[in-house]
Amino acid sequence: MKTPTSEHDLEKAIPFLLARAGARMGNAFAKALKPYGLSLSEWRVCASLQHTPRQTLSELATHASTDLSALSRIVDRLAANELVMREKCDTDKRAVRIALTERGLALTLELIPLAQHYEAVAISDFSPAEVKTLRAMLLRLYANATPLA
């Protein structure tokens, strides 16, 4: 007699497939970042700040997919390397916003073509329509997983 758990095939499970693809892509890109002195997590923070400047830690945690305690250490390292700075929020003096420095922005802009290359390799045999569908489906999957967070 088959039970639901005995029919579970890890090799076909969406979370497993996403994690495996993400790990392969992330590990490869992390190696490319080493000569620049950045980790993958640090890159995500810089890229997020380039896309949406002056974020609070909680906003940045969401965008960079990092928990707050780890994010604080990442921001500390980036600040020590003069890639980001902390700024007092104009409207709430208790809040702090994180921003790229000129040096951080320059490095991020230099690395964007490298990031785009890694993505292009990963999607090289997808049609433009498939890429558009994949992006839309991943955004929906992320939104659908909100109750699980």
N, C-alpha and C. Protein backbone atom coordinates (compact mmCIF):
# COMPACT_ATOMS: atom_id res chain seq x y z
N MET A 1 0.84 -1.18 0.00
CA MET A 1 0.00 0.00 0.00
C MET A 1 0.88 1.25 0.00
N LYS A 2 0.61 2.18 -0.91
CA LYS A 2 1.39 3.41 -0.99
C LYS A 2 0.78 4.46 -0.08
N THR A 3 1.64 5.15 0.63
CA THR A 3 1.22 6.28 1.45
C THR A 3 1.72 7.55 0.76
N PRO A 4 1.14 8.68 1.10
CA PRO A 4 1.61 9.92 0.47
C PRO A 4 3.12 10.14 0.63
N THR A 5 3.67 9.77 1.79
CA THR A 5 5.10 9.99 1.99
C THR A 5 5.94 9.02 1.17
N SER A 6 5.44 7.82 0.91
CA SER A 6 6.24 6.88 0.13
C SER A 6 6.26 7.26 -1.34
N GLU A 7 5.33 8.11 -1.77
CA GLU A 7 5.29 8.56 -3.16
C GLU A 7 6.09 9.85 -3.36
N HIS A 8 6.62 10.40 -2.30
CA HIS A 8 7.38 11.64 -2.41
C HIS A 8 8.71 11.38 -3.09
N ASP A 9 8.97 12.10 -4.16
CA ASP A 9 10.22 11.97 -4.89
C ASP A 9 10.99 13.28 -4.75
N LEU A 10 12.01 13.25 -3.91
CA LEU A 10 12.79 14.45 -3.64
C LEU A 10 13.32 15.07 -4.92
N GLU A 11 13.72 14.26 -5.87
CA GLU A 11 14.30 14.76 -7.12
C GLU A 11 13.30 15.57 -7.96
N LYS A 12 12.02 15.46 -7.64
CA LYS A 12 11.00 16.21 -8.37
C LYS A 12 10.34 17.29 -7.51
N ALA A 13 10.72 17.38 -6.26
CA ALA A 13 10.12 18.35 -5.33
C ALA A 13 10.58 19.77 -5.70
N ILE A 14 9.63 20.67 -5.83
CA ILE A 14 9.93 22.05 -6.22
C ILE A 14 10.94 22.71 -5.27
N PRO A 15 10.77 22.64 -3.95
CA PRO A 15 11.77 23.27 -3.07
C PRO A 15 13.18 22.71 -3.29
N PHE A 16 13.29 21.41 -3.49
CA PHE A 16 14.59 20.79 -3.73
C PHE A 16 15.18 21.30 -5.04
N LEU A 17 14.39 21.33 -6.10
CA LEU A 17 14.87 21.77 -7.40
C LEU A 17 15.29 23.24 -7.38
N LEU A 18 14.50 24.08 -6.71
CA LEU A 18 14.86 25.49 -6.58
C LEU A 18 16.17 25.66 -5.81
N ALA A 19 16.28 24.96 -4.69
CA ALA A 19 17.48 25.06 -3.86
C ALA A 19 18.71 24.58 -4.63
N ARG A 20 18.56 23.48 -5.35
CA ARG A 20 19.68 22.92 -6.09
C ARG A 20 20.13 23.87 -7.20
N ALA A 21 19.18 24.41 -7.96
CA ALA A 21 19.53 25.35 -9.03
C ALA A 21 20.14 26.62 -8.44
N GLY A 22 19.54 27.13 -7.38
CA GLY A 22 20.06 28.33 -6.74
C GLY A 22 21.45 28.13 -6.17
N ALA A 23 21.69 26.97 -5.58
CA ALA A 23 23.01 26.68 -5.02
C ALA A 23 24.06 26.60 -6.12
N ARG A 24 23.74 25.95 -7.21
CA ARG A 24 24.71 25.84 -8.31
C ARG A 24 25.05 27.22 -8.85
N MET A 25 24.03 28.01 -9.11
CA MET A 25 24.25 29.35 -9.65
C MET A 25 24.97 30.24 -8.62
N GLY A 26 24.52 30.18 -7.38
CA GLY A 26 25.11 31.00 -6.33
C GLY A 26 26.56 30.64 -6.05
N ASN A 27 26.86 29.36 -5.99
CA ASN A 27 28.24 28.93 -5.73
C ASN A 27 29.18 29.36 -6.85
N ALA A 28 28.72 29.25 -8.09
CA ALA A 28 29.55 29.66 -9.22
C ALA A 28 29.79 31.17 -9.18
N PHE A 29 28.75 31.94 -8.92
CA PHE A 29 28.90 33.39 -8.88
C PHE A 29 29.75 33.82 -7.68
N ALA A 30 29.62 33.11 -6.56
CA ALA A 30 30.42 33.42 -5.37
C ALA A 30 31.91 33.30 -5.68
N LYS A 31 32.29 32.30 -6.47
CA LYS A 31 33.70 32.15 -6.86
C LYS A 31 34.15 33.34 -7.71
N ALA A 32 33.29 33.82 -8.57
CA ALA A 32 33.63 34.97 -9.42
C ALA A 32 33.75 36.25 -8.59
N LEU A 33 33.06 36.32 -7.45
CA LEU A 33 33.10 37.51 -6.61
C LEU A 33 34.35 37.59 -5.74
N LYS A 34 34.98 36.45 -5.49
CA LYS A 34 36.14 36.41 -4.57
C LYS A 34 37.23 37.43 -4.92
N PRO A 35 37.63 37.55 -6.20
CA PRO A 35 38.67 38.55 -6.51
C PRO A 35 38.28 39.99 -6.17
N TYR A 36 37.00 40.24 -6.03
CA TYR A 36 36.51 41.57 -5.69
C TYR A 36 36.35 41.75 -4.18
N GLY A 37 36.61 40.69 -3.43
CA GLY A 37 36.53 40.77 -1.98
C GLY A 37 35.12 40.74 -1.43
N LEU A 38 34.17 40.24 -2.21
CA LEU A 38 32.77 40.17 -1.77
C LEU A 38 32.31 38.73 -1.68
N SER A 39 31.46 38.48 -0.69
CA SER A 39 30.75 37.20 -0.61
C SER A 39 29.45 37.36 -1.39
N LEU A 40 28.77 36.25 -1.61
CA LEU A 40 27.49 36.29 -2.31
C LEU A 40 26.46 37.10 -1.50
N SER A 41 26.44 36.93 -0.20
CA SER A 41 25.52 37.69 0.66
C SER A 41 25.81 39.18 0.60
N GLU A 42 27.08 39.54 0.59
CA GLU A 42 27.45 40.95 0.50
C GLU A 42 27.04 41.52 -0.86
N TRP A 43 27.23 40.73 -1.93
CA TRP A 43 26.79 41.17 -3.26
C TRP A 43 25.28 41.44 -3.27
N ARG A 44 24.52 40.54 -2.67
CA ARG A 44 23.06 40.71 -2.66
C ARG A 44 22.66 42.01 -1.97
N VAL A 45 23.35 42.34 -0.89
CA VAL A 45 23.07 43.59 -0.18
C VAL A 45 23.41 44.77 -1.08
N CYS A 46 24.58 44.75 -1.69
CA CYS A 46 24.98 45.86 -2.57
C CYS A 46 24.03 45.99 -3.76
N ALA A 47 23.69 44.88 -4.38
CA ALA A 47 22.79 44.91 -5.54
C ALA A 47 21.41 45.42 -5.13
N SER A 48 20.95 45.02 -3.97
CA SER A 48 19.66 45.49 -3.48
C SER A 48 19.69 46.99 -3.22
N LEU A 49 20.78 47.48 -2.64
CA LEU A 49 20.90 48.91 -2.37
C LEU A 49 21.07 49.71 -3.65
N GLN A 50 21.67 49.13 -4.67
CA GLN A 50 21.78 49.82 -5.95
C GLN A 50 20.40 49.94 -6.59
N HIS A 51 19.61 48.88 -6.46
CA HIS A 51 18.26 48.88 -7.03
C HIS A 51 17.31 49.79 -6.26
N THR A 52 17.37 49.69 -4.92
CA THR A 52 16.51 50.50 -4.05
C THR A 52 17.40 51.14 -2.98
N PRO A 53 17.85 52.37 -3.23
CA PRO A 53 18.78 53.03 -2.29
C PRO A 53 18.14 53.33 -0.93
N ARG A 54 19.01 53.46 0.06
CA ARG A 54 18.64 53.93 1.40
C ARG A 54 17.54 53.10 2.06
N GLN A 55 17.80 51.82 2.22
CA GLN A 55 16.84 50.93 2.86
C GLN A 55 17.13 50.80 4.35
N THR A 56 16.07 50.54 5.12
CA THR A 56 16.25 50.18 6.52
C THR A 56 16.75 48.74 6.56
N LEU A 57 17.24 48.32 7.70
CA LEU A 57 17.71 46.94 7.84
C LEU A 57 16.59 45.94 7.56
N SER A 58 15.38 46.23 8.05
CA SER A 58 14.29 45.27 7.83
C SER A 58 13.90 45.21 6.36
N GLU A 59 13.90 46.35 5.67
CA GLU A 59 13.62 46.33 4.23
C GLU A 59 14.70 45.54 3.49
N LEU A 60 15.93 45.80 3.85
CA LEU A 60 17.07 45.13 3.23
C LEU A 60 17.05 43.63 3.49
N ALA A 61 16.65 43.24 4.68
CA ALA A 61 16.56 41.81 5.01
C ALA A 61 15.59 41.10 4.07
N THR A 62 14.48 41.75 3.78
CA THR A 62 13.50 41.17 2.86
C THR A 62 14.05 41.10 1.45
N HIS A 63 14.61 42.20 0.96
CA HIS A 63 15.10 42.25 -0.42
C HIS A 63 16.31 41.36 -0.64
N ALA A 64 17.19 41.25 0.34
CA ALA A 64 18.41 40.46 0.19
C ALA A 64 18.22 39.02 0.68
N SER A 65 17.02 38.69 1.14
CA SER A 65 16.71 37.34 1.66
C SER A 65 17.72 36.90 2.71
N THR A 66 17.90 37.75 3.71
CA THR A 66 18.85 37.48 4.79
C THR A 66 18.18 37.81 6.11
N ASP A 67 18.44 36.99 7.14
CA ASP A 67 17.86 37.31 8.44
C ASP A 67 18.60 38.50 9.05
N LEU A 68 17.90 39.21 9.94
CA LEU A 68 18.43 40.47 10.48
C LEU A 68 19.77 40.33 11.19
N SER A 69 19.95 39.27 11.96
CA SER A 69 21.21 39.14 12.70
C SER A 69 22.38 38.95 11.74
N ALA A 70 22.21 38.12 10.72
CA ALA A 70 23.26 37.94 9.73
C ALA A 70 23.46 39.22 8.92
N LEU A 71 22.38 39.90 8.62
CA LEU A 71 22.46 41.13 7.84
C LEU A 71 23.25 42.19 8.57
N SER A 72 23.08 42.30 9.87
CA SER A 72 23.84 43.29 10.65
C SER A 72 25.33 43.05 10.51
N ARG A 73 25.76 41.80 10.55
CA ARG A 73 27.18 41.47 10.40
C ARG A 73 27.66 41.77 8.98
N ILE A 74 26.82 41.47 7.99
CA ILE A 74 27.17 41.75 6.59
C ILE A 74 27.35 43.26 6.40
N VAL A 75 26.41 44.04 6.93
CA VAL A 75 26.50 45.50 6.81
C VAL A 75 27.74 46.01 7.54
N ASP A 76 28.05 45.44 8.69
CA ASP A 76 29.27 45.83 9.42
C ASP A 76 30.51 45.62 8.55
N ARG A 77 30.60 44.46 7.89
CA ARG A 77 31.76 44.17 7.01
C ARG A 77 31.81 45.14 5.83
N LEU A 78 30.65 45.37 5.22
CA LEU A 78 30.60 46.29 4.08
C LEU A 78 30.96 47.71 4.51
N ALA A 79 30.52 48.12 5.69
CA ALA A 79 30.84 49.45 6.20
C ALA A 79 32.34 49.55 6.50
N ALA A 80 32.91 48.50 7.07
CA ALA A 80 34.35 48.49 7.36
C ALA A 80 35.17 48.60 6.08
N ASN A 81 34.65 48.10 4.98
CA ASN A 81 35.32 48.18 3.68
C ASN A 81 34.90 49.42 2.89
N GLU A 82 34.14 50.31 3.56
CA GLU A 82 33.70 51.58 2.99
C GLU A 82 32.86 51.41 1.72
N LEU A 83 32.05 50.33 1.71
CA LEU A 83 31.15 50.09 0.58
C LEU A 83 29.73 50.56 0.88
N VAL A 84 29.36 50.58 2.17
CA VAL A 84 28.06 51.10 2.58
C VAL A 84 28.26 52.03 3.77
N MET A 85 27.23 52.84 4.03
CA MET A 85 27.23 53.70 5.21
C MET A 85 25.86 53.68 5.83
N ARG A 86 25.84 53.95 7.11
CA ARG A 86 24.58 54.07 7.84
C ARG A 86 24.22 55.54 7.92
N GLU A 87 22.94 55.83 7.70
CA GLU A 87 22.46 57.21 7.76
C GLU A 87 21.25 57.26 8.68
N LYS A 88 21.13 58.34 9.43
CA LYS A 88 19.92 58.55 10.23
C LYS A 88 18.76 58.84 9.29
N CYS A 89 17.61 58.30 9.62
CA CYS A 89 16.41 58.53 8.82
C CYS A 89 15.91 59.95 9.07
N ASP A 90 15.51 60.63 8.01
CA ASP A 90 15.03 62.00 8.13
C ASP A 90 13.75 62.11 8.96
N THR A 91 12.85 61.14 8.80
CA THR A 91 11.55 61.22 9.46
C THR A 91 11.52 60.57 10.84
N ASP A 92 12.37 59.56 11.07
CA ASP A 92 12.40 58.86 12.34
C ASP A 92 13.85 58.79 12.80
N LYS A 93 14.20 59.62 13.76
CA LYS A 93 15.60 59.74 14.19
C LYS A 93 16.15 58.44 14.81
N ARG A 94 15.25 57.52 15.20
CA ARG A 94 15.71 56.24 15.76
C ARG A 94 16.07 55.26 14.66
N ALA A 95 15.50 55.44 13.49
CA ALA A 95 15.72 54.51 12.38
C ALA A 95 17.03 54.85 11.65
N VAL A 96 17.62 53.79 11.11
CA VAL A 96 18.85 53.92 10.35
C VAL A 96 18.62 53.37 8.96
N ARG A 97 19.12 54.06 7.98
CA ARG A 97 19.04 53.59 6.60
C ARG A 97 20.46 53.25 6.14
N ILE A 98 20.52 52.23 5.29
CA ILE A 98 21.79 51.78 4.75
C ILE A 98 21.88 52.26 3.30
N ALA A 99 23.01 52.82 2.93
CA ALA A 99 23.20 53.32 1.57
C ALA A 99 24.58 52.92 1.07
N LEU A 100 24.69 52.75 -0.22
CA LEU A 100 25.99 52.51 -0.84
C LEU A 100 26.82 53.80 -0.78
N THR A 101 28.10 53.65 -0.55
CA THR A 101 29.01 54.78 -0.70
C THR A 101 29.32 54.92 -2.19
N GLU A 102 30.05 55.96 -2.56
CA GLU A 102 30.46 56.10 -3.97
C GLU A 102 31.28 54.88 -4.39
N ARG A 103 32.16 54.45 -3.50
CA ARG A 103 32.98 53.26 -3.80
C ARG A 103 32.12 52.01 -3.95
N GLY A 104 31.14 51.87 -3.06
CA GLY A 104 30.23 50.72 -3.12
C GLY A 104 29.40 50.72 -4.39
N LEU A 105 28.92 51.89 -4.78
CA LEU A 105 28.14 52.00 -6.02
C LEU A 105 29.00 51.67 -7.23
N ALA A 106 30.21 52.18 -7.26
CA ALA A 106 31.10 51.91 -8.39
C ALA A 106 31.38 50.42 -8.51
N LEU A 107 31.66 49.75 -7.38
CA LEU A 107 31.92 48.32 -7.42
C LEU A 107 30.68 47.55 -7.87
N THR A 108 29.53 47.92 -7.34
CA THR A 108 28.28 47.25 -7.72
C THR A 108 28.02 47.40 -9.21
N LEU A 109 28.17 48.60 -9.73
CA LEU A 109 27.96 48.83 -11.16
C LEU A 109 28.96 48.05 -12.01
N GLU A 110 30.17 47.91 -11.51
CA GLU A 110 31.19 47.12 -12.21
C GLU A 110 30.80 45.64 -12.26
N LEU A 111 30.16 45.15 -11.21
CA LEU A 111 29.83 43.73 -11.11
C LEU A 111 28.51 43.35 -11.77
N ILE A 112 27.64 44.30 -12.05
CA ILE A 112 26.35 43.98 -12.66
C ILE A 112 26.50 43.22 -13.97
N PRO A 113 27.40 43.62 -14.89
CA PRO A 113 27.54 42.82 -16.12
C PRO A 113 27.99 41.38 -15.85
N LEU A 114 28.80 41.18 -14.82
CA LEU A 114 29.22 39.82 -14.46
C LEU A 114 28.01 39.01 -13.98
N ALA A 115 27.18 39.62 -13.14
CA ALA A 115 25.96 38.96 -12.66
C ALA A 115 25.04 38.63 -13.83
N GLN A 116 24.91 39.58 -14.75
CA GLN A 116 24.07 39.36 -15.93
C GLN A 116 24.61 38.22 -16.79
N HIS A 117 25.93 38.11 -16.88
CA HIS A 117 26.54 37.01 -17.64
C HIS A 117 26.19 35.67 -17.02
N TYR A 118 26.30 35.57 -15.71
CA TYR A 118 25.98 34.30 -15.04
C TYR A 118 24.52 33.93 -15.23
N GLU A 119 23.64 34.91 -15.17
CA GLU A 119 22.23 34.64 -15.43
C GLU A 119 22.03 34.21 -16.88
N ALA A 120 22.68 34.90 -17.81
CA ALA A 120 22.53 34.57 -19.23
C ALA A 120 22.98 33.14 -19.53
N VAL A 121 24.05 32.71 -18.90
CA VAL A 121 24.52 31.33 -19.09
C VAL A 121 23.46 30.35 -18.58
N ALA A 122 22.91 30.65 -17.40
CA ALA A 122 21.93 29.74 -16.79
C ALA A 122 20.65 29.62 -17.61
N ILE A 123 20.28 30.68 -18.32
CA ILE A 123 19.03 30.64 -19.09
C ILE A 123 19.28 30.54 -20.59
N SER A 124 20.49 30.15 -20.97
CA SER A 124 20.91 30.21 -22.37
C SER A 124 20.05 29.37 -23.32
N ASP A 125 19.47 28.29 -22.84
CA ASP A 125 18.64 27.50 -23.77
C ASP A 125 17.14 27.69 -23.53
N PHE A 126 16.80 28.79 -22.86
CA PHE A 126 15.40 29.16 -22.68
C PHE A 126 15.03 30.20 -23.73
N SER A 127 13.83 30.14 -24.24
CA SER A 127 13.35 31.18 -25.15
C SER A 127 13.01 32.42 -24.32
N PRO A 128 12.95 33.60 -24.95
CA PRO A 128 12.53 34.80 -24.20
C PRO A 128 11.17 34.61 -23.53
N ALA A 129 10.25 33.92 -24.19
CA ALA A 129 8.93 33.68 -23.58
C ALA A 129 9.06 32.79 -22.35
N GLU A 130 9.92 31.78 -22.43
CA GLU A 130 10.12 30.89 -21.27
C GLU A 130 10.75 31.66 -20.10
N VAL A 131 11.70 32.54 -20.39
CA VAL A 131 12.32 33.34 -19.33
C VAL A 131 11.28 34.23 -18.66
N LYS A 132 10.44 34.86 -19.47
CA LYS A 132 9.38 35.71 -18.93
C LYS A 132 8.42 34.90 -18.06
N THR A 133 8.05 33.71 -18.52
CA THR A 133 7.16 32.83 -17.76
C THR A 133 7.83 32.36 -16.48
N LEU A 134 9.11 31.98 -16.57
CA LEU A 134 9.84 31.53 -15.39
C LEU A 134 9.90 32.62 -14.33
N ARG A 135 10.23 33.84 -14.75
CA ARG A 135 10.27 34.96 -13.79
C ARG A 135 8.90 35.17 -13.13
N ALA A 136 7.86 35.16 -13.94
CA ALA A 136 6.51 35.35 -13.39
C ALA A 136 6.14 34.23 -12.42
N MET A 137 6.48 33.01 -12.77
CA MET A 137 6.16 31.89 -11.90
C MET A 137 6.95 31.93 -10.60
N LEU A 138 8.22 32.33 -10.66
CA LEU A 138 9.02 32.44 -9.44
C LEU A 138 8.49 33.53 -8.53
N LEU A 139 8.06 34.64 -9.11
CA LEU A 139 7.45 35.71 -8.30
C LEU A 139 6.16 35.23 -7.65
N ARG A 140 5.35 34.49 -8.38
CA ARG A 140 4.11 33.94 -7.80
C ARG A 140 4.43 32.93 -6.72
N LEU A 141 5.40 32.08 -6.96
CA LEU A 141 5.80 31.07 -5.97
C LEU A 141 6.24 31.76 -4.68
N TYR A 142 7.04 32.82 -4.81
CA TYR A 142 7.50 33.56 -3.65
C TYR A 142 6.32 34.16 -2.89
N ALA A 143 5.39 34.77 -3.63
CA ALA A 143 4.20 35.36 -3.00
C ALA A 143 3.35 34.29 -2.33
N ASN A 144 3.18 33.17 -3.00
CA ASN A 144 2.36 32.08 -2.44
C ASN A 144 2.95 31.51 -1.16
N ALA A 145 4.28 31.61 -1.01
CA ALA A 145 4.95 31.06 0.17
C ALA A 145 4.90 32.01 1.37
N THR A 146 4.33 33.19 1.20
CA THR A 146 4.26 34.17 2.30
C THR A 146 3.67 33.57 3.57
N PRO A 147 2.55 32.81 3.51
CA PRO A 147 2.01 32.25 4.75
C PRO A 147 2.96 31.26 5.45
N LEU A 148 3.93 30.75 4.74
CA LEU A 148 4.86 29.78 5.33
C LEU A 148 5.98 30.47 6.11
N ALA A 149 6.18 31.77 5.84
CA ALA A 149 7.31 32.48 6.47
C ALA A 149 7.09 32.71 7.95
